[in-house]
PDB file of all heavy atoms in Angstrom:
ATOM      1  N   ASN A   1      -3.275 -65.193 -32.020  1.00  0.00           N
ATOM      2  CA  ASN A   1      -3.092 -66.233 -31.013  1.00  0.00           C
ATOM      3  C   ASN A   1      -4.093 -67.379 -31.162  1.00  0.00           C
ATOM      4  O   ASN A   1      -3.764 -68.538 -30.899  1.00  0.00           O
ATOM      5  CB  ASN A   1      -3.208 -65.633 -29.613  1.00  0.00           C
ATOM      6  CG  ASN A   1      -2.063 -64.707 -29.276  1.00  0.00           C
ATOM      7  OD1 ASN A   1      -0.982 -64.795 -29.865  1.00  0.00           O
ATOM      8  ND2 ASN A   1      -2.281 -63.819 -28.315  1.00  0.00           N
ATOM      9  N   ALA A   2      -5.304 -67.054 -31.575  1.00  0.00           N
ATOM     10  CA  ALA A   2      -6.327 -68.077 -31.719  1.00  0.00           C
ATOM     11  C   ALA A   2      -5.983 -69.081 -32.807  1.00  0.00           C
ATOM     12  O   ALA A   2      -6.362 -70.250 -32.727  1.00  0.00           O
ATOM     13  CB  ALA A   2      -7.682 -67.439 -32.002  1.00  0.00           C
ATOM     14  N   LYS A   3      -5.265 -68.623 -33.831  1.00  0.00           N
ATOM     15  CA  LYS A   3      -4.906 -69.490 -34.947  1.00  0.00           C
ATOM     16  C   LYS A   3      -3.457 -69.956 -34.898  1.00  0.00           C
ATOM     17  O   LYS A   3      -3.013 -70.680 -35.792  1.00  0.00           O
ATOM     18  CB  LYS A   3      -5.167 -68.776 -36.268  1.00  0.00           C
ATOM     19  CG  LYS A   3      -6.629 -68.422 -36.507  1.00  0.00           C
ATOM     20  CD  LYS A   3      -6.817 -67.738 -37.848  1.00  0.00           C
ATOM     21  CE  LYS A   3      -8.276 -67.416 -38.100  1.00  0.00           C
ATOM     22  NZ  LYS A   3      -8.471 -66.743 -39.408  1.00  0.00           N
ATOM     23  N   ASN A   4      -2.721 -69.525 -33.880  1.00  0.00           N
ATOM     24  CA  ASN A   4      -1.298 -69.870 -33.761  1.00  0.00           C
ATOM     25  C   ASN A   4      -0.517 -69.491 -35.014  1.00  0.00           C
ATOM     26  O   ASN A   4       0.280 -70.276 -35.539  1.00  0.00           O
ATOM     27  CB  ASN A   4      -1.125 -71.357 -33.457  1.00  0.00           C
ATOM     28  CG  ASN A   4      -1.597 -71.736 -32.075  1.00  0.00           C
ATOM     29  OD1 ASN A   4      -1.603 -70.916 -31.157  1.00  0.00           O
ATOM     30  ND2 ASN A   4      -1.992 -72.988 -31.900  1.00  0.00           N
ATOM     31  N   THR A   5      -0.762 -68.288 -35.495  1.00  0.00           N
ATOM     32  CA  THR A   5      -0.072 -67.803 -36.677  1.00  0.00           C
ATOM     33  C   THR A   5       0.634 -66.492 -36.386  1.00  0.00           C
ATOM     34  O   THR A   5       0.249 -65.740 -35.492  1.00  0.00           O
ATOM     35  CB  THR A   5      -1.034 -67.598 -37.858  1.00  0.00           C
ATOM     36  OG1 THR A   5      -2.025 -66.623 -37.506  1.00  0.00           O
ATOM     37  CG2 THR A   5      -1.722 -68.900 -38.230  1.00  0.00           C
ATOM     38  N   VAL A   6       1.663 -66.233 -37.165  1.00  0.00           N
ATOM     39  CA  VAL A   6       2.380 -64.974 -37.103  1.00  0.00           C
ATOM     40  C   VAL A   6       2.648 -64.525 -38.530  1.00  0.00           C
ATOM     41  O   VAL A   6       2.895 -65.356 -39.412  1.00  0.00           O
ATOM     42  CB  VAL A   6       3.693 -65.111 -36.300  1.00  0.00           C
ATOM     43  CG1 VAL A   6       4.663 -66.067 -36.990  1.00  0.00           C
ATOM     44  CG2 VAL A   6       4.344 -63.755 -36.089  1.00  0.00           C
ATOM     45  N   SER A   7       2.573 -63.218 -38.750  1.00  0.00           N
ATOM     46  CA  SER A   7       2.786 -62.667 -40.083  1.00  0.00           C
ATOM     47  C   SER A   7       3.814 -61.558 -40.018  1.00  0.00           C
ATOM     48  O   SER A   7       4.006 -60.925 -38.983  1.00  0.00           O
ATOM     49  CB  SER A   7       1.485 -62.133 -40.669  1.00  0.00           C
ATOM     50  OG  SER A   7       0.533 -63.164 -40.848  1.00  0.00           O
ATOM     51  N   LEU A   8       4.463 -61.327 -41.135  1.00  0.00           N
ATOM     52  CA  LEU A   8       5.434 -60.248 -41.259  1.00  0.00           C
ATOM     53  C   LEU A   8       5.122 -59.477 -42.528  1.00  0.00           C
ATOM     54  O   LEU A   8       5.307 -59.998 -43.636  1.00  0.00           O
ATOM     55  CB  LEU A   8       6.859 -60.798 -41.301  1.00  0.00           C
ATOM     56  CG  LEU A   8       7.970 -59.755 -41.324  1.00  0.00           C
ATOM     57  CD1 LEU A   8       8.041 -59.022 -39.979  1.00  0.00           C
ATOM     58  CD2 LEU A   8       9.319 -60.406 -41.637  1.00  0.00           C
ATOM     59  N   GLN A   9       4.633 -58.263 -42.358  1.00  0.00           N
ATOM     60  CA  GLN A   9       4.387 -57.378 -43.485  1.00  0.00           C
ATOM     61  C   GLN A   9       5.665 -56.614 -43.774  1.00  0.00           C
ATOM     62  O   GLN A   9       6.169 -55.891 -42.914  1.00  0.00           O
ATOM     63  CB  GLN A   9       3.247 -56.409 -43.183  1.00  0.00           C
ATOM     64  CG  GLN A   9       2.935 -55.441 -44.309  1.00  0.00           C
ATOM     65  CD  GLN A   9       2.402 -56.123 -45.545  1.00  0.00           C
ATOM     66  OE1 GLN A   9       1.532 -56.985 -45.448  1.00  0.00           O
ATOM     67  NE2 GLN A   9       2.920 -55.753 -46.704  1.00  0.00           N
ATOM     68  N   MET A  10       6.189 -56.771 -44.977  1.00  0.00           N
ATOM     69  CA  MET A  10       7.446 -56.157 -45.364  1.00  0.00           C
ATOM     70  C   MET A  10       7.190 -55.141 -46.457  1.00  0.00           C
ATOM     71  O   MET A  10       6.782 -55.499 -47.566  1.00  0.00           O
ATOM     72  CB  MET A  10       8.446 -57.217 -45.834  1.00  0.00           C
ATOM     73  CG  MET A  10       8.702 -58.322 -44.822  1.00  0.00           C
ATOM     74  SD  MET A  10       9.997 -59.486 -45.349  1.00  0.00           S
ATOM     75  CE  MET A  10       9.170 -60.237 -46.753  1.00  0.00           C
ATOM     76  N   ASN A  11       7.429 -53.885 -46.148  1.00  0.00           N
ATOM     77  CA  ASN A  11       7.252 -52.796 -47.096  1.00  0.00           C
ATOM     78  C   ASN A  11       8.593 -52.145 -47.402  1.00  0.00           C
ATOM     79  O   ASN A  11       9.564 -52.298 -46.667  1.00  0.00           O
ATOM     80  CB  ASN A  11       6.280 -51.752 -46.544  1.00  0.00           C
ATOM     81  CG  ASN A  11       4.896 -52.295 -46.292  1.00  0.00           C
ATOM     82  OD1 ASN A  11       4.407 -53.152 -47.028  1.00  0.00           O
ATOM     83  ND2 ASN A  11       4.236 -51.790 -45.255  1.00  0.00           N
ATOM     84  N   SER A  12       8.619 -51.385 -48.486  1.00  0.00           N
ATOM     85  CA  SER A  12       9.830 -50.667 -48.891  1.00  0.00           C
ATOM     86  C   SER A  12      11.043 -51.579 -48.894  1.00  0.00           C
ATOM     87  O   SER A  12      12.101 -51.252 -48.354  1.00  0.00           O
ATOM     88  CB  SER A  12      10.061 -49.463 -47.970  1.00  0.00           C
ATOM     89  OG  SER A  12       8.954 -48.581 -47.989  1.00  0.00           O
ATOM     90  N   LEU A  13      10.892 -52.718 -49.513  1.00  0.00           N
ATOM     91  CA  LEU A  13      11.955 -53.716 -49.500  1.00  0.00           C
ATOM     92  C   LEU A  13      13.198 -53.222 -50.226  1.00  0.00           C
ATOM     93  O   LEU A  13      13.118 -52.505 -51.226  1.00  0.00           O
ATOM     94  CB  LEU A  13      11.460 -55.013 -50.124  1.00  0.00           C
ATOM     95  CG  LEU A  13      10.542 -55.836 -49.214  1.00  0.00           C
ATOM     96  CD1 LEU A  13       9.751 -56.848 -50.018  1.00  0.00           C
ATOM     97  CD2 LEU A  13      11.366 -56.532 -48.134  1.00  0.00           C
ATOM     98  N   LYS A  14      14.336 -53.627 -49.702  1.00  0.00           N
ATOM     99  CA  LYS A  14      15.634 -53.259 -50.235  1.00  0.00           C
ATOM    100  C   LYS A  14      16.400 -54.506 -50.645  1.00  0.00           C
ATOM    101  O   LYS A  14      16.140 -55.597 -50.132  1.00  0.00           O
ATOM    102  CB  LYS A  14      16.443 -52.493 -49.184  1.00  0.00           C
ATOM    103  CG  LYS A  14      15.765 -51.253 -48.631  1.00  0.00           C
ATOM    104  CD  LYS A  14      16.599 -50.642 -47.517  1.00  0.00           C
ATOM    105  CE  LYS A  14      15.932 -49.401 -46.949  1.00  0.00           C
ATOM    106  NZ  LYS A  14      16.738 -48.810 -45.844  1.00  0.00           N
ATOM    107  N   PRO A  15      17.360 -54.369 -51.550  1.00  0.00           N
ATOM    108  CA  PRO A  15      18.154 -55.540 -51.944  1.00  0.00           C
ATOM    109  C   PRO A  15      18.804 -56.241 -50.757  1.00  0.00           C
ATOM    110  O   PRO A  15      18.929 -57.474 -50.776  1.00  0.00           O
ATOM    111  CB  PRO A  15      19.202 -54.947 -52.885  1.00  0.00           C
ATOM    112  CG  PRO A  15      18.522 -53.767 -53.495  1.00  0.00           C
ATOM    113  CD  PRO A  15      17.687 -53.191 -52.381  1.00  0.00           C
ATOM    114  N   GLU A  16      19.190 -55.488 -49.737  1.00  0.00           N
ATOM    115  CA  GLU A  16      19.816 -56.093 -48.573  1.00  0.00           C
ATOM    116  C   GLU A  16      18.851 -56.907 -47.719  1.00  0.00           C
ATOM    117  O   GLU A  16      19.276 -57.574 -46.774  1.00  0.00           O
ATOM    118  CB  GLU A  16      20.511 -55.029 -47.710  1.00  0.00           C
ATOM    119  CG  GLU A  16      19.646 -53.825 -47.404  1.00  0.00           C
ATOM    120  CD  GLU A  16      19.897 -52.663 -48.352  1.00  0.00           C
ATOM    121  OE1 GLU A  16      20.003 -52.899 -49.572  1.00  0.00           O
ATOM    122  OE2 GLU A  16      19.994 -51.520 -47.874  1.00  0.00           O
ATOM    123  N   ASP A  17      17.559 -56.860 -48.039  1.00  0.00           N
ATOM    124  CA  ASP A  17      16.589 -57.714 -47.372  1.00  0.00           C
ATOM    125  C   ASP A  17      16.566 -59.124 -47.957  1.00  0.00           C
ATOM    126  O   ASP A  17      15.890 -60.007 -47.414  1.00  0.00           O
ATOM    127  CB  ASP A  17      15.185 -57.118 -47.458  1.00  0.00           C
ATOM    128  CG  ASP A  17      15.058 -55.803 -46.708  1.00  0.00           C
ATOM    129  OD1 ASP A  17      15.603 -55.699 -45.593  1.00  0.00           O
ATOM    130  OD2 ASP A  17      14.399 -54.885 -47.233  1.00  0.00           O
ATOM    131  N   THR A  18      17.262 -59.327 -49.047  1.00  0.00           N
ATOM    132  CA  THR A  18      17.316 -60.642 -49.673  1.00  0.00           C
ATOM    133  C   THR A  18      17.901 -61.663 -48.709  1.00  0.00           C
ATOM    134  O   THR A  18      19.002 -61.489 -48.193  1.00  0.00           O
ATOM    135  CB  THR A  18      18.149 -60.595 -50.961  1.00  0.00           C
ATOM    136  OG1 THR A  18      17.518 -59.732 -51.909  1.00  0.00           O
ATOM    137  CG2 THR A  18      18.286 -61.985 -51.570  1.00  0.00           C
ATOM    138  N   ALA A  19      17.161 -62.733 -48.467  1.00  0.00           N
ATOM    139  CA  ALA A  19      17.588 -63.760 -47.521  1.00  0.00           C
ATOM    140  C   ALA A  19      16.554 -64.866 -47.494  1.00  0.00           C
ATOM    141  O   ALA A  19      15.467 -64.739 -48.060  1.00  0.00           O
ATOM    142  CB  ALA A  19      17.758 -63.164 -46.119  1.00  0.00           C
ATOM    143  N   VAL A  20      16.899 -65.938 -46.819  1.00  0.00           N
ATOM    144  CA  VAL A  20      15.916 -66.947 -46.464  1.00  0.00           C
ATOM    145  C   VAL A  20      15.347 -66.562 -45.111  1.00  0.00           C
ATOM    146  O   VAL A  20      16.094 -66.342 -44.153  1.00  0.00           O
ATOM    147  CB  VAL A  20      16.526 -68.356 -46.414  1.00  0.00           C
ATOM    148  CG1 VAL A  20      15.488 -69.369 -45.952  1.00  0.00           C
ATOM    149  CG2 VAL A  20      17.068 -68.740 -47.784  1.00  0.00           C
ATOM    150  N   TYR A  21      14.042 -66.475 -45.028  1.00  0.00           N
ATOM    151  CA  TYR A  21      13.368 -66.070 -43.807  1.00  0.00           C
ATOM    152  C   TYR A  21      12.793 -67.292 -43.105  1.00  0.00           C
ATOM    153  O   TYR A  21      12.107 -68.110 -43.718  1.00  0.00           O
ATOM    154  CB  TYR A  21      12.256 -65.067 -44.115  1.00  0.00           C
ATOM    155  CG  TYR A  21      12.776 -63.689 -44.446  1.00  0.00           C
ATOM    156  CD1 TYR A  21      13.462 -63.450 -45.624  1.00  0.00           C
ATOM    157  CD2 TYR A  21      12.588 -62.627 -43.558  1.00  0.00           C
ATOM    158  CE1 TYR A  21      13.965 -62.190 -45.920  1.00  0.00           C
ATOM    159  CE2 TYR A  21      13.077 -61.364 -43.846  1.00  0.00           C
ATOM    160  CZ  TYR A  21      13.765 -61.153 -45.026  1.00  0.00           C
ATOM    161  OH  TYR A  21      14.255 -59.895 -45.317  1.00  0.00           O
ATOM    162  N   TYR A  22      13.063 -67.392 -41.807  1.00  0.00           N
ATOM    163  CA  TYR A  22      12.649 -68.540 -41.017  1.00  0.00           C
ATOM    164  C   TYR A  22      11.685 -68.129 -39.920  1.00  0.00           C
ATOM    165  O   TYR A  22      11.933 -67.169 -39.188  1.00  0.00           O
ATOM    166  CB  TYR A  22      13.859 -69.209 -40.360  1.00  0.00           C
ATOM    167  CG  TYR A  22      14.863 -69.784 -41.328  1.00  0.00           C
ATOM    168  CD1 TYR A  22      15.915 -69.020 -41.801  1.00  0.00           C
ATOM    169  CD2 TYR A  22      14.764 -71.108 -41.749  1.00  0.00           C
ATOM    170  CE1 TYR A  22      16.839 -69.545 -42.681  1.00  0.00           C
ATOM    171  CE2 TYR A  22      15.686 -71.642 -42.630  1.00  0.00           C
ATOM    172  CZ  TYR A  22      16.721 -70.859 -43.091  1.00  0.00           C
ATOM    173  OH  TYR A  22      17.645 -71.380 -43.960  1.00  0.00           O
ATOM    174  N   CYS A  23      10.622 -68.867 -39.802  1.00  0.00           N
ATOM    175  CA  CYS A  23       9.682 -68.675 -38.706  1.00  0.00           C
ATOM    176  C   CYS A  23      10.210 -69.381 -37.461  1.00  0.00           C
ATOM    177  O   CYS A  23      10.797 -70.461 -37.549  1.00  0.00           O
ATOM    178  CB  CYS A  23       8.313 -69.230 -39.092  1.00  0.00           C
ATOM    179  SG  CYS A  23       7.038 -69.063 -37.816  1.00  0.00           S
ATOM    180  N   ASN A  24       9.985 -68.767 -36.317  1.00  0.00           N
ATOM    181  CA  ASN A  24      10.453 -69.300 -35.047  1.00  0.00           C
ATOM    182  C   ASN A  24       9.337 -69.232 -34.016  1.00  0.00           C
ATOM    183  O   ASN A  24       8.549 -68.284 -34.003  1.00  0.00           O
ATOM    184  CB  ASN A  24      11.667 -68.494 -34.563  1.00  0.00           C
ATOM    185  CG  ASN A  24      11.996 -68.729 -33.107  1.00  0.00           C
ATOM    186  OD1 ASN A  24      11.481 -68.044 -32.220  1.00  0.00           O
ATOM    187  ND2 ASN A  24      12.861 -69.695 -32.851  1.00  0.00           N
ATOM    188  N   ALA A  25       9.276 -70.232 -33.157  1.00  0.00           N
ATOM    189  CA  ALA A  25       8.296 -70.226 -32.080  1.00  0.00           C
ATOM    190  C   ALA A  25       8.902 -70.806 -30.810  1.00  0.00           C
ATOM    191  O   ALA A  25       9.529 -71.868 -30.842  1.00  0.00           O
ATOM    192  CB  ALA A  25       7.051 -71.018 -32.467  1.00  0.00           C
ATOM    193  N   ASP A  26       8.731 -70.094 -29.718  1.00  0.00           N
ATOM    194  CA  ASP A  26       9.056 -70.598 -28.387  1.00  0.00           C
ATOM    195  C   ASP A  26       7.732 -70.986 -27.746  1.00  0.00           C
ATOM    196  O   ASP A  26       6.867 -70.132 -27.536  1.00  0.00           O
ATOM    197  CB  ASP A  26       9.754 -69.544 -27.541  1.00  0.00           C
ATOM    198  CG  ASP A  26      11.118 -69.180 -28.081  1.00  0.00           C
ATOM    199  OD1 ASP A  26      11.805 -70.076 -28.605  1.00  0.00           O
ATOM    200  OD2 ASP A  26      11.500 -67.999 -27.961  1.00  0.00           O
ATOM    201  N   LEU A  27       7.560 -72.256 -27.448  1.00  0.00           N
ATOM    202  CA  LEU A  27       6.260 -72.707 -26.975  1.00  0.00           C
ATOM    203  C   LEU A  27       6.365 -73.812 -25.946  1.00  0.00           C
ATOM    204  O   LEU A  27       7.415 -74.423 -25.762  1.00  0.00           O
ATOM    205  CB  LEU A  27       5.397 -73.164 -28.159  1.00  0.00           C
ATOM    206  CG  LEU A  27       5.928 -74.303 -29.042  1.00  0.00           C
ATOM    207  CD1 LEU A  27       5.588 -75.665 -28.451  1.00  0.00           C
ATOM    208  CD2 LEU A  27       5.331 -74.188 -30.444  1.00  0.00           C
ATOM    209  N   ARG A  28       5.236 -74.046 -25.284  1.00  0.00           N
ATOM    210  CA  ARG A  28       5.111 -75.135 -24.344  1.00  0.00           C
ATOM    211  C   ARG A  28       4.149 -76.150 -24.938  1.00  0.00           C
ATOM    212  O   ARG A  28       3.025 -75.804 -25.302  1.00  0.00           O
ATOM    213  CB  ARG A  28       4.613 -74.629 -22.990  1.00  0.00           C
ATOM    214  CG  ARG A  28       4.574 -75.692 -21.911  1.00  0.00           C
ATOM    215  CD  ARG A  28       4.083 -75.119 -20.581  1.00  0.00           C
ATOM    216  NE  ARG A  28       5.001 -74.131 -20.039  1.00  0.00           N
ATOM    217  CZ  ARG A  28       6.068 -74.416 -19.298  1.00  0.00           C
ATOM    218  NH1 ARG A  28       6.370 -75.685 -19.019  1.00  0.00           N
ATOM    219  NH2 ARG A  28       6.838 -73.446 -18.841  1.00  0.00           N
ATOM    220  N   SER A  29       4.583 -77.391 -25.002  1.00  0.00           N
ATOM    221  CA  SER A  29       3.752 -78.444 -25.562  1.00  0.00           C
ATOM    222  C   SER A  29       2.720 -78.900 -24.545  1.00  0.00           C
ATOM    223  O   SER A  29       2.717 -78.478 -23.386  1.00  0.00           O
ATOM    224  CB  SER A  29       4.615 -79.627 -26.000  1.00  0.00           C
ATOM    225  OG  SER A  29       5.102 -80.333 -24.872  1.00  0.00           O
ATOM    226  N   THR A  30       1.852 -79.791 -24.985  1.00  0.00           N
ATOM    227  CA  THR A  30       0.847 -80.343 -24.075  1.00  0.00           C
ATOM    228  C   THR A  30       1.466 -81.224 -23.001  1.00  0.00           C
ATOM    229  O   THR A  30       0.795 -81.579 -22.034  1.00  0.00           O
ATOM    230  CB  THR A  30      -0.206 -81.138 -24.860  1.00  0.00           C
ATOM    231  OG1 THR A  30       0.440 -82.121 -25.674  1.00  0.00           O
ATOM    232  CG2 THR A  30      -1.022 -80.204 -25.741  1.00  0.00           C
ATOM    233  N   LEU A  31       2.735 -81.574 -23.169  1.00  0.00           N
ATOM    234  CA  LEU A  31       3.477 -82.274 -22.132  1.00  0.00           C
ATOM    235  C   LEU A  31       4.191 -81.297 -21.197  1.00  0.00           C
ATOM    236  O   LEU A  31       4.979 -81.721 -20.348  1.00  0.00           O
ATOM    237  CB  LEU A  31       4.494 -83.227 -22.755  1.00  0.00           C
ATOM    238  CG  LEU A  31       3.924 -84.369 -23.601  1.00  0.00           C
ATOM    239  CD1 LEU A  31       5.043 -85.189 -24.206  1.00  0.00           C
ATOM    240  CD2 LEU A  31       3.004 -85.243 -22.770  1.00  0.00           C
TER     241      LEU A  31
END
């Protein structure tokens, strides 16, 4: 939270995991 980052550790990957991965954030701006 301090760095406003999120990570995804992916282990035991399978061929069906093949995709484009998108980061998403629901947030409130300074406005």
